[in-house]
Amino acid sequence: MAIAYLLVALLAAAVAVFALQNGTPATVHFFVWTLEGIPLAGLILGSFAAGLAIAGLPLGIQRWRARTQARRFETRVKELEAATAQREKTPTTPPRAAP
C-alpha cells in the first residue's frame, strides 16, 4: 500500500511541475464561444479530466451491472444450496418391487 501512495505522490508532483511549466495563456475557440487567457496547463488537464469522465461513465455503468448480476447469482446459489441441503435431510423411501 505504501508503494501506491508513493506512486500517487510522484504523479501529483509531476502534474504540479507540468502546471508550473505550462502557464502560458491560450485562446480557446469552440463553436461560437471564445475563451481567452486560459492557462495551457489548465486547458490540457481539463481536457484530460473530461476524457476520463467520458470514458469512465460507461465503464462505471458496466461495472454496476456486473455487480448486480453477481449478487443475483450469489442469491441463486444460496437458494440452490439450501434446497440441496433440505433434499439431503429428507429421507427417501426405496422403490417397491413390482408384483
PDB file of N, CA and C in Angstrom:
ATOM      1  N   MET A   1       0.824  -1.190   0.000  1.00  0.00           N
ATOM      2  CA  MET A   1       0.000   0.000   0.000  1.00  0.00           C
ATOM      3  C   MET A   1       0.868   1.255   0.000  1.00  0.00           C
ATOM      4  N   ALA A   2       2.012   1.175   0.649  1.00  0.00           N
ATOM      5  CA  ALA A   2       2.909   2.321   0.708  1.00  0.00           C
ATOM      6  C   ALA A   2       3.438   2.656  -0.685  1.00  0.00           C
ATOM      7  N   ILE A   3       3.618   1.637  -1.510  1.00  0.00           N
ATOM      8  CA  ILE A   3       4.096   1.876  -2.876  1.00  0.00           C
ATOM      9  C   ILE A   3       3.046   2.641  -3.671  1.00  0.00           C
ATOM     10  N   ALA A   4       1.783   2.323  -3.452  1.00  0.00           N
ATOM     11  CA  ALA A   4       0.703   3.028  -4.155  1.00  0.00           C
ATOM     12  C   ALA A   4       0.697   4.508  -3.764  1.00  0.00           C
ATOM     13  N   TYR A   5       0.862   4.792  -2.460  1.00  0.00           N
ATOM     14  CA  TYR A   5       0.909   6.189  -2.015  1.00  0.00           C
ATOM     15  C   TYR A   5       2.111   6.919  -2.615  1.00  0.00           C
ATOM     16  N   LEU A   6       3.216   6.235  -2.704  1.00  0.00           N
ATOM     17  CA  LEU A   6       4.406   6.828  -3.305  1.00  0.00           C
ATOM     18  C   LEU A   6       4.165   7.151  -4.782  1.00  0.00           C
ATOM     19  N   LEU A   7       3.549   6.233  -5.496  1.00  0.00           N
ATOM     20  CA  LEU A   7       3.251   6.478  -6.917  1.00  0.00           C
ATOM     21  C   LEU A   7       2.282   7.648  -7.094  1.00  0.00           C
ATOM     22  N   VAL A   8       1.269   7.733  -6.236  1.00  0.00           N
ATOM     23  CA  VAL A   8       0.324   8.854  -6.306  1.00  0.00           C
ATOM     24  C   VAL A   8       1.042  10.166  -6.009  1.00  0.00           C
ATOM     25  N   ALA A   9       1.933  10.171  -5.037  1.00  0.00           N
ATOM     26  CA  ALA A   9       2.686  11.386  -4.705  1.00  0.00           C
ATOM     27  C   ALA A   9       3.582  11.803  -5.864  1.00  0.00           C
ATOM     28  N   LEU A  10       4.231  10.829  -6.506  1.00  0.00           N
ATOM     29  CA  LEU A  10       5.079  11.153  -7.663  1.00  0.00           C
ATOM     30  C   LEU A  10       4.249  11.693  -8.828  1.00  0.00           C
ATOM     31  N   LEU A  11       3.099  11.111  -9.052  1.00  0.00           N
ATOM     32  CA  LEU A  11       2.223  11.595 -10.117  1.00  0.00           C
ATOM     33  C   LEU A  11       1.735  13.011  -9.819  1.00  0.00           C
ATOM     34  N   ALA A  12       1.376  13.275  -8.575  1.00  0.00           N
ATOM     35  CA  ALA A  12       0.932  14.615  -8.190  1.00  0.00           C
ATOM     36  C   ALA A  12       2.060  15.626  -8.363  1.00  0.00           C
ATOM     37  N   ALA A  13       3.273  15.244  -8.024  1.00  0.00           N
ATOM     38  CA  ALA A  13       4.419  16.144  -8.207  1.00  0.00           C
ATOM     39  C   ALA A  13       4.659  16.415  -9.689  1.00  0.00           C
ATOM     40  N   ALA A  14       4.521  15.375 -10.530  1.00  0.00           N
ATOM     41  CA  ALA A  14       4.698  15.569 -11.968  1.00  0.00           C
ATOM     42  C   ALA A  14       3.623  16.501 -12.530  1.00  0.00           C
ATOM     43  N   VAL A  15       2.410  16.376 -12.062  1.00  0.00           N
ATOM     44  CA  VAL A  15       1.328  17.254 -12.521  1.00  0.00           C
ATOM     45  C   VAL A  15       1.591  18.689 -12.079  1.00  0.00           C
ATOM     46  N   ALA A  16       2.077  18.869 -10.864  1.00  0.00           N
ATOM     47  CA  ALA A  16       2.386  20.210 -10.379  1.00  0.00           C
ATOM     48  C   ALA A  16       3.502  20.847 -11.200  1.00  0.00           C
ATOM     49  N   VAL A  17       4.540  20.099 -11.504  1.00  0.00           N
ATOM     50  CA  VAL A  17       5.633  20.617 -12.327  1.00  0.00           C
ATOM     51  C   VAL A  17       5.120  20.963 -13.724  1.00  0.00           C
ATOM     52  N   PHE A  18       4.273  20.093 -14.278  1.00  0.00           N
ATOM     53  CA  PHE A  18       3.688  20.356 -15.594  1.00  0.00           C
ATOM     54  C   PHE A  18       2.898  21.654 -15.584  1.00  0.00           C
ATOM     55  N   ALA A  19       2.091  21.862 -14.560  1.00  0.00           N
ATOM     56  CA  ALA A  19       1.267  23.072 -14.480  1.00  0.00           C
ATOM     57  C   ALA A  19       2.137  24.323 -14.334  1.00  0.00           C
ATOM     58  N   LEU A  20       3.195  24.223 -13.553  1.00  0.00           N
ATOM     59  CA  LEU A  20       4.063  25.386 -13.369  1.00  0.00           C
ATOM     60  C   LEU A  20       4.838  25.726 -14.636  1.00  0.00           C
ATOM     61  N   GLN A  21       5.208  24.739 -15.418  1.00  0.00           N
ATOM     62  CA  GLN A  21       5.991  24.986 -16.622  1.00  0.00           C
ATOM     63  C   GLN A  21       5.136  25.357 -17.828  1.00  0.00           C
ATOM     64  N   ASN A  22       3.831  25.144 -17.760  1.00  0.00           N
ATOM     65  CA  ASN A  22       2.963  25.423 -18.897  1.00  0.00           C
ATOM     66  C   ASN A  22       1.854  26.396 -18.515  1.00  0.00           C
ATOM     67  N   GLY A  23       2.241  27.510 -17.947  1.00  0.00           N
ATOM     68  CA  GLY A  23       1.272  28.518 -17.525  1.00  0.00           C
ATOM     69  C   GLY A  23       0.958  29.544 -18.596  1.00  0.00           C
ATOM     70  N   THR A  24       1.468  29.360 -19.802  1.00  0.00           N
ATOM     71  CA  THR A  24       1.252  30.312 -20.891  1.00  0.00           C
ATOM     72  C   THR A  24      -0.240  30.431 -21.196  1.00  0.00           C
ATOM     73  N   PRO A  25      -0.755  31.647 -21.279  1.00  0.00           N
ATOM     74  CA  PRO A  25      -2.176  31.812 -21.612  1.00  0.00           C
ATOM     75  C   PRO A  25      -2.463  31.366 -23.043  1.00  0.00           C
ATOM     76  N   ALA A  26      -3.615  30.750 -23.230  1.00  0.00           N
ATOM     77  CA  ALA A  26      -4.023  30.274 -24.551  1.00  0.00           C
ATOM     78  C   ALA A  26      -5.452  30.734 -24.823  1.00  0.00           C
ATOM     79  N   THR A  27      -5.781  30.851 -26.096  1.00  0.00           N
ATOM     80  CA  THR A  27      -7.140  31.203 -26.503  1.00  0.00           C
ATOM     81  C   THR A  27      -7.821  29.953 -27.032  1.00  0.00           C
ATOM     82  N   VAL A  28      -9.046  29.743 -26.572  1.00  0.00           N
ATOM     83  CA  VAL A  28      -9.805  28.558 -26.967  1.00  0.00           C
ATOM     84  C   VAL A  28     -11.017  29.010 -27.773  1.00  0.00           C
ATOM     85  N   HIS A  29     -11.185  28.420 -28.951  1.00  0.00           N
ATOM     86  CA  HIS A  29     -12.359  28.662 -29.790  1.00  0.00           C
ATOM     87  C   HIS A  29     -13.140  27.363 -29.873  1.00  0.00           C
ATOM     88  N   PHE A  30     -14.414  27.402 -29.485  1.00  0.00           N
ATOM     89  CA  PHE A  30     -15.269  26.219 -29.547  1.00  0.00           C
ATOM     90  C   PHE A  30     -16.642  26.676 -30.021  1.00  0.00           C
ATOM     91  N   PHE A  31     -16.966  26.310 -31.254  1.00  0.00           N
ATOM     92  CA  PHE A  31     -18.188  26.737 -31.932  1.00  0.00           C
ATOM     93  C   PHE A  31     -18.306  28.257 -31.853  1.00  0.00           C
ATOM     94  N   VAL A  32     -19.248  28.777 -31.072  1.00  0.00           N
ATOM     95  CA  VAL A  32     -19.431  30.230 -31.014  1.00  0.00           C
ATOM     96  C   VAL A  32     -18.763  30.854 -29.795  1.00  0.00           C
ATOM     97  N   TRP A  33     -18.199  30.033 -28.919  1.00  0.00           N
ATOM     98  CA  TRP A  33     -17.555  30.555 -27.715  1.00  0.00           C
ATOM     99  C   TRP A  33     -16.078  30.794 -27.952  1.00  0.00           C
ATOM    100  N   THR A  34     -15.581  31.839 -27.327  1.00  0.00           N
ATOM    101  CA  THR A  34     -14.147  32.124 -27.353  1.00  0.00           C
ATOM    102  C   THR A  34     -13.725  32.438 -25.932  1.00  0.00           C
ATOM    103  N   LEU A  35     -12.754  31.698 -25.453  1.00  0.00           N
ATOM    104  CA  LEU A  35     -12.205  31.929 -24.117  1.00  0.00           C
ATOM    105  C   LEU A  35     -10.760  32.359 -24.278  1.00  0.00           C
ATOM    106  N   GLU A  36     -10.422  33.469 -23.697  1.00  0.00           N
ATOM    107  CA  GLU A  36      -9.063  33.993 -23.817  1.00  0.00           C
ATOM    108  C   GLU A  36      -8.390  33.969 -22.453  1.00  0.00           C
ATOM    109  N   GLY A  37      -7.098  33.754 -22.473  1.00  0.00           N
ATOM    110  CA  GLY A  37      -6.308  33.814 -21.244  1.00  0.00           C
ATOM    111  C   GLY A  37      -6.391  32.561 -20.387  1.00  0.00           C
ATOM    112  N   ILE A  38      -6.797  31.444 -20.950  1.00  0.00           N
ATOM    113  CA  ILE A  38      -6.847  30.184 -20.205  1.00  0.00           C
ATOM    114  C   ILE A  38      -5.422  29.616 -20.130  1.00  0.00           C
ATOM    115  N   PRO A  39      -4.940  29.284 -18.940  1.00  0.00           N
ATOM    116  CA  PRO A  39      -3.597  28.693 -18.854  1.00  0.00           C
ATOM    117  C   PRO A  39      -3.547  27.367 -19.618  1.00  0.00           C
ATOM    118  N   LEU A  40      -2.478  27.175 -20.362  1.00  0.00           N
ATOM    119  CA  LEU A  40      -2.331  25.978 -21.179  1.00  0.00           C
ATOM    120  C   LEU A  40      -2.413  24.708 -20.333  1.00  0.00           C
ATOM    121  N   ALA A  41      -1.785  24.699 -19.176  1.00  0.00           N
ATOM    122  CA  ALA A  41      -1.828  23.516 -18.307  1.00  0.00           C
ATOM    123  C   ALA A  41      -3.255  23.230 -17.868  1.00  0.00           C
ATOM    124  N   GLY A  42      -4.004  24.264 -17.521  1.00  0.00           N
ATOM    125  CA  GLY A  42      -5.398  24.085 -17.121  1.00  0.00           C
ATOM    126  C   GLY A  42      -6.235  23.524 -18.252  1.00  0.00           C
ATOM    127  N   LEU A  43      -5.967  24.002 -19.452  1.00  0.00           N
ATOM    128  CA  LEU A  43      -6.680  23.515 -20.628  1.00  0.00           C
ATOM    129  C   LEU A  43      -6.388  22.035 -20.885  1.00  0.00           C
ATOM    130  N   ILE A  44      -5.125  21.665 -20.816  1.00  0.00           N
ATOM    131  CA  ILE A  44      -4.748  20.269 -21.060  1.00  0.00           C
ATOM    132  C   ILE A  44      -5.277  19.361 -19.952  1.00  0.00           C
ATOM    133  N   LEU A  45      -5.107  19.767 -18.700  1.00  0.00           N
ATOM    134  CA  LEU A  45      -5.585  18.940 -17.592  1.00  0.00           C
ATOM    135  C   LEU A  45      -7.111  18.864 -17.573  1.00  0.00           C
ATOM    136  N   GLY A  46      -7.779  19.949 -17.930  1.00  0.00           N
ATOM    137  CA  GLY A  46      -9.246  19.919 -18.017  1.00  0.00           C
ATOM    138  C   GLY A  46      -9.724  18.985 -19.112  1.00  0.00           C
ATOM    139  N   SER A  47      -9.032  19.018 -20.247  1.00  0.00           N
ATOM    140  CA  SER A  47      -9.380  18.098 -21.337  1.00  0.00           C
ATOM    141  C   SER A  47      -9.149  16.657 -20.925  1.00  0.00           C
ATOM    142  N   PHE A  48      -8.076  16.406 -20.211  1.00  0.00           N
ATOM    143  CA  PHE A  48      -7.787  15.059 -19.723  1.00  0.00           C
ATOM    144  C   PHE A  48      -8.860  14.590 -18.747  1.00  0.00           C
ATOM    145  N   ALA A  49      -9.267  15.484 -17.840  1.00  0.00           N
ATOM    146  CA  ALA A  49     -10.310  15.138 -16.862  1.00  0.00           C
ATOM    147  C   ALA A  49     -11.640  14.865 -17.564  1.00  0.00           C
ATOM    148  N   ALA A  50     -11.957  15.672 -18.578  1.00  0.00           N
ATOM    149  CA  ALA A  50     -13.194  15.441 -19.325  1.00  0.00           C
ATOM    150  C   ALA A  50     -13.144  14.096 -20.040  1.00  0.00           C
ATOM    151  N   GLY A  51     -11.999  13.754 -20.605  1.00  0.00           N
ATOM    152  CA  GLY A  51     -11.843  12.456 -21.264  1.00  0.00           C
ATOM    153  C   GLY A  51     -12.000  11.306 -20.294  1.00  0.00           C
ATOM    154  N   LEU A  52     -11.443  11.437 -19.096  1.00  0.00           N
ATOM    155  CA  LEU A  52     -11.604  10.399 -18.082  1.00  0.00           C
ATOM    156  C   LEU A  52     -13.065  10.237 -17.696  1.00  0.00           C
ATOM    157  N   ALA A  53     -13.764  11.354 -17.546  1.00  0.00           N
ATOM    158  CA  ALA A  53     -15.182  11.285 -17.171  1.00  0.00           C
ATOM    159  C   ALA A  53     -16.003  10.639 -18.281  1.00  0.00           C
ATOM    160  N   ILE A  54     -15.732  11.021 -19.516  1.00  0.00           N
ATOM    161  CA  ILE A  54     -16.485  10.468 -20.643  1.00  0.00           C
ATOM    162  C   ILE A  54     -16.211   8.977 -20.792  1.00  0.00           C
ATOM    163  N   ALA A  55     -14.976   8.560 -20.610  1.00  0.00           N
ATOM    164  CA  ALA A  55     -14.632   7.140 -20.722  1.00  0.00           C
ATOM    165  C   ALA A  55     -15.071   6.370 -19.475  1.00  0.00           C
ATOM    166  N   GLY A  56     -15.020   7.005 -18.322  1.00  0.00           N
ATOM    167  CA  GLY A  56     -15.338   6.324 -17.076  1.00  0.00           C
ATOM    168  C   GLY A  56     -16.813   6.075 -16.862  1.00  0.00           C
ATOM    169  N   LEU A  57     -17.669   6.894 -17.430  1.00  0.00           N
ATOM    170  CA  LEU A  57     -19.102   6.720 -17.233  1.00  0.00           C
ATOM    171  C   LEU A  57     -19.594   5.379 -17.770  1.00  0.00           C
ATOM    172  N   PRO A  58     -19.326   5.028 -19.027  1.00  0.00           N
ATOM    173  CA  PRO A  58     -19.773   3.704 -19.499  1.00  0.00           C
ATOM    174  C   PRO A  58     -19.128   2.548 -18.730  1.00  0.00           C
ATOM    175  N   LEU A  59     -17.871   2.711 -18.342  1.00  0.00           N
ATOM    176  CA  LEU A  59     -17.209   1.661 -17.574  1.00  0.00           C
ATOM    177  C   LEU A  59     -17.851   1.503 -16.200  1.00  0.00           C
ATOM    178  N   GLY A  60     -18.217   2.610 -15.586  1.00  0.00           N
ATOM    179  CA  GLY A  60     -18.897   2.551 -14.286  1.00  0.00           C
ATOM    180  C   GLY A  60     -20.252   1.886 -14.385  1.00  0.00           C
ATOM    181  N   ILE A  61     -20.991   2.197 -15.445  1.00  0.00           N
ATOM    182  CA  ILE A  61     -22.298   1.571 -15.646  1.00  0.00           C
ATOM    183  C   ILE A  61     -22.126   0.072 -15.854  1.00  0.00           C
ATOM    184  N   GLN A  62     -21.157  -0.316 -16.654  1.00  0.00           N
ATOM    185  CA  GLN A  62     -20.912  -1.734 -16.908  1.00  0.00           C
ATOM    186  C   GLN A  62     -20.535  -2.454 -15.615  1.00  0.00           C
ATOM    187  N   ARG A  63     -19.711  -1.836 -14.814  1.00  0.00           N
ATOM    188  CA  ARG A  63     -19.296  -2.452 -13.550  1.00  0.00           C
ATOM    189  C   ARG A  63     -20.479  -2.588 -12.598  1.00  0.00           C
ATOM    190  N   TRP A  64     -21.357  -1.582 -12.555  1.00  0.00           N
ATOM    191  CA  TRP A  64     -22.545  -1.629 -11.710  1.00  0.00           C
ATOM    192  C   TRP A  64     -23.444  -2.779 -12.130  1.00  0.00           C
ATOM    193  N   ARG A  65     -23.649  -2.946 -13.439  1.00  0.00           N
ATOM    194  CA  ARG A  65     -24.480  -4.043 -13.935  1.00  0.00           C
ATOM    195  C   ARG A  65     -23.856  -5.394 -13.594  1.00  0.00           C
ATOM    196  N   ALA A  66     -22.553  -5.511 -13.721  1.00  0.00           N
ATOM    197  CA  ALA A  66     -21.874  -6.772 -13.412  1.00  0.00           C
ATOM    198  C   ALA A  66     -22.011  -7.110 -11.926  1.00  0.00           C
ATOM    199  N   ARG A  67     -21.885  -6.111 -11.050  1.00  0.00           N
ATOM    200  CA  ARG A  67     -22.052  -6.358  -9.623  1.00  0.00           C
ATOM    201  C   ARG A  67     -23.472  -6.793  -9.300  1.00  0.00           C
ATOM    202  N   THR A  68     -24.454  -6.152  -9.956  1.00  0.00           N
ATOM    203  CA  THR A  68     -25.849  -6.523  -9.736  1.00  0.00           C
ATOM    204  C   THR A  68     -26.096  -7.966 -10.162  1.00  0.00           C
ATOM    205  N   GLN A  69     -25.563  -8.346 -11.305  1.00  0.00           N
ATOM    206  CA  GLN A  69     -25.725  -9.711 -11.792  1.00  0.00           C
ATOM    207  C   GLN A  69     -25.020 -10.704 -10.866  1.00  0.00           C
ATOM    208  N   ALA A  70     -23.847 -10.353 -10.372  1.00  0.00           N
ATOM    209  CA  ALA A  70     -23.119 -11.232  -9.456  1.00  0.00           C
ATOM    210  C   ALA A  70     -23.916 -11.443  -8.168  1.00  0.00           C
ATOM    211  N   ARG A  71     -24.540 -10.383  -7.650  1.00  0.00           N
ATOM    212  CA  ARG A  71     -25.370 -10.522  -6.450  1.00  0.00           C
ATOM    213  C   ARG A  71     -26.545 -11.451  -6.709  1.00  0.00           C
ATOM    214  N   ARG A  72     -27.161 -11.307  -7.888  1.00  0.00           N
ATOM    215  CA  ARG A  72     -28.274 -12.186  -8.251  1.00  0.00           C
ATOM    216  C   ARG A  72     -27.819 -13.643  -8.296  1.00  0.00           C
ATOM    217  N   PHE A  73     -26.659 -13.883  -8.904  1.00  0.00           N
ATOM    218  CA  PHE A  73     -26.132 -15.238  -8.992  1.00  0.00           C
ATOM    219  C   PHE A  73     -25.811 -15.796  -7.612  1.00  0.00           C
ATOM    220  N   GLU A  74     -25.241 -14.970  -6.733  1.00  0.00           N
ATOM    221  CA  GLU A  74     -24.928 -15.419  -5.379  1.00  0.00           C
ATOM    222  C   GLU A  74     -26.199 -15.790  -4.626  1.00  0.00           C
ATOM    223  N   THR A  75     -27.255 -15.000  -4.800  1.00  0.00           N
ATOM    224  CA  THR A  75     -28.535 -15.310  -4.171  1.00  0.00           C
ATOM    225  C   THR A  75     -29.084 -16.627  -4.688  1.00  0.00           C
ATOM    226  N   ARG A  76     -28.993 -16.831  -5.993  1.00  0.00           N
ATOM    227  CA  ARG A  76     -29.491 -18.074  -6.592  1.00  0.00           C
ATOM    228  C   ARG A  76     -28.685 -19.280  -6.109  1.00  0.00           C
ATOM    229  N   VAL A  77     -27.376 -19.127  -5.974  1.00  0.00           N
ATOM    230  CA  VAL A  77     -26.535 -20.216  -5.463  1.00  0.00           C
ATOM    231  C   VAL A  77     -26.947 -20.564  -4.035  1.00  0.00           C
ATOM    232  N   LYS A  78     -27.181 -19.562  -3.197  1.00  0.00           N
ATOM    233  CA  LYS A  78     -27.604 -19.822  -1.819  1.00  0.00           C
ATOM    234  C   LYS A  78     -28.945 -20.552  -1.793  1.00  0.00           C
ATOM    235  N   GLU A  79     -29.868 -20.147  -2.668  1.00  0.00           N
ATOM    236  CA  GLU A  79     -31.168 -20.818  -2.738  1.00  0.00           C
ATOM    237  C   GLU A  79     -30.991 -22.281  -3.137  1.00  0.00           C
ATOM    238  N   LEU A  80     -30.164 -22.541  -4.127  1.00  0.00           N
ATOM    239  CA  LEU A  80     -29.942 -23.914  -4.584  1.00  0.00           C
ATOM    240  C   LEU A  80     -29.237 -24.753  -3.524  1.00  0.00           C
ATOM    241  N   GLU A  81     -28.289 -24.148  -2.803  1.00  0.00           N
ATOM    242  CA  GLU A  81     -27.607 -24.871  -1.732  1.00  0.00           C
ATOM    243  C   GLU A  81     -28.583 -25.222  -0.617  1.00  0.00           C
ATOM    244  N   ALA A  82     -29.475 -24.285  -0.285  1.00  0.00           N
ATOM    245  CA  ALA A  82     -30.482 -24.559   0.749  1.00  0.00           C
ATOM    246  C   ALA A  82     -31.421 -25.668   0.291  1.00  0.00           C
ATOM    247  N   ALA A  83     -31.828 -25.651  -0.973  1.00  0.00           N
ATOM    248  CA  ALA A  83     -32.706 -26.698  -1.493  1.00  0.00           C
ATOM    249  C   ALA A  83     -31.994 -28.051  -1.486  1.00  0.00           C
ATOM    250  N   THR A  84     -30.729 -28.067  -1.814  1.00  0.00           N
ATOM    251  CA  THR A  84     -29.953 -29.317  -1.800  1.00  0.00           C
ATOM    252  C   THR A  84     -29.826 -29.840  -0.375  1.00  0.00           C
ATOM    253  N   ALA A  85     -29.556 -28.957   0.568  1.00  0.00           N
ATOM    254  CA  ALA A  85     -29.438 -29.374   1.974  1.00  0.00           C
ATOM    255  C   ALA A  85     -30.768 -29.917   2.470  1.00  0.00           C
ATOM    256  N   GLN A  86     -31.857 -29.285   2.098  1.00  0.00           N
ATOM    257  CA  GLN A  86     -33.187 -29.744   2.503  1.00  0.00           C
ATOM    258  C   GLN A  86     -33.475 -31.115   1.891  1.00  0.00           C
ATOM    259  N   ARG A  87     -33.111 -31.304   0.663  1.00  0.00           N
ATOM    260  CA  ARG A  87     -33.341 -32.573  -0.032  1.00  0.00           C
ATOM    261  C   ARG A  87     -32.517 -33.685   0.615  1.00  0.00           C
ATOM    262  N   GLU A  88     -31.298 -33.367   1.055  1.00  0.00           N
ATOM    263  CA  GLU A  88     -30.453 -34.372   1.696  1.00  0.00           C
ATOM    264  C   GLU A  88     -30.990 -34.764   3.068  1.00  0.00           C
ATOM    265  N   LYS A  89     -31.677 -33.846   3.750  1.00  0.00           N
ATOM    266  CA  LYS A  89     -32.244 -34.145   5.062  1.00  0.00           C
ATOM    267  C   LYS A  89     -33.486 -35.015   4.957  1.00  0.00           C
ATOM    268  N   THR A  90     -34.223 -34.901   3.882  1.00  0.00           N
ATOM    269  CA  THR A  90     -35.458 -35.644   3.715  1.00  0.00           C
ATOM    270  C   THR A  90     -35.136 -37.103   3.419  1.00  0.00           C
ATOM    271  N   PRO A  91     -35.700 -38.036   4.236  1.00  0.00           N
ATOM    272  CA  PRO A  91     -35.412 -39.449   3.955  1.00  0.00           C
ATOM    273  C   PRO A  91     -36.123 -39.900   2.681  1.00  0.00           C
ATOM    274  N   THR A  92     -35.452 -40.712   1.956  1.00  0.00           N
ATOM    275  CA  THR A  92     -36.049 -41.235   0.727  1.00  0.00           C
ATOM    276  C   THR A  92     -36.441 -42.689   0.971  1.00  0.00           C
ATOM    277  N   THR A  93     -37.555 -43.068   0.410  1.00  0.00           N
ATOM    278  CA  THR A  93     -38.005 -44.448   0.534  1.00  0.00           C
ATOM    279  C   THR A  93     -37.563 -45.214  -0.695  1.00  0.00           C
ATOM    280  N   PRO A  94     -37.093 -46.438  -0.493  1.00  0.00           N
ATOM    281  CA  PRO A  94     -36.655 -47.212  -1.656  1.00  0.00           C
ATOM    282  C   PRO A  94     -37.870 -47.580  -2.511  1.00  0.00           C
ATOM    283  N   PRO A  95     -37.694 -47.706  -3.798  1.00  0.00           N
ATOM    284  CA  PRO A  95     -38.818 -48.062  -4.656  1.00  0.00           C
ATOM    285  C   PRO A  95     -39.281 -49.493  -4.379  1.00  0.00           C
ATOM    286  N   ARG A  96     -40.586 -49.717  -4.482  1.00  0.00           N
ATOM    287  CA  ARG A  96     -41.148 -51.047  -4.225  1.00  0.00           C
ATOM    288  C   ARG A  96     -40.953 -51.939  -5.438  1.00  0.00           C
ATOM    289  N   ALA A  97     -40.803 -53.193  -5.128  1.00  0.00           N
ATOM    290  CA  ALA A  97     -40.656 -54.167  -6.220  1.00  0.00           C
ATOM    291  C   ALA A  97     -42.010 -54.424  -6.847  1.00  0.00           C
ATOM    292  N   ALA A  98     -42.023 -54.585  -8.126  1.00  0.00           N
ATOM    293  CA  ALA A  98     -43.272 -54.830  -8.837  1.00  0.00           C
ATOM    294  C   ALA A  98     -43.733 -56.266  -8.585  1.00  0.00           C
ATOM    295  N   PRO A  99     -45.039 -56.515  -8.364  1.00  0.00           N
ATOM    296  CA  PRO A  99     -45.527 -57.878  -8.084  1.00  0.00           C
ATOM    297  C   PRO A  99     -45.567 -58.739  -9.316  1.00  0.00           C
TER     298      PRO A  99
END
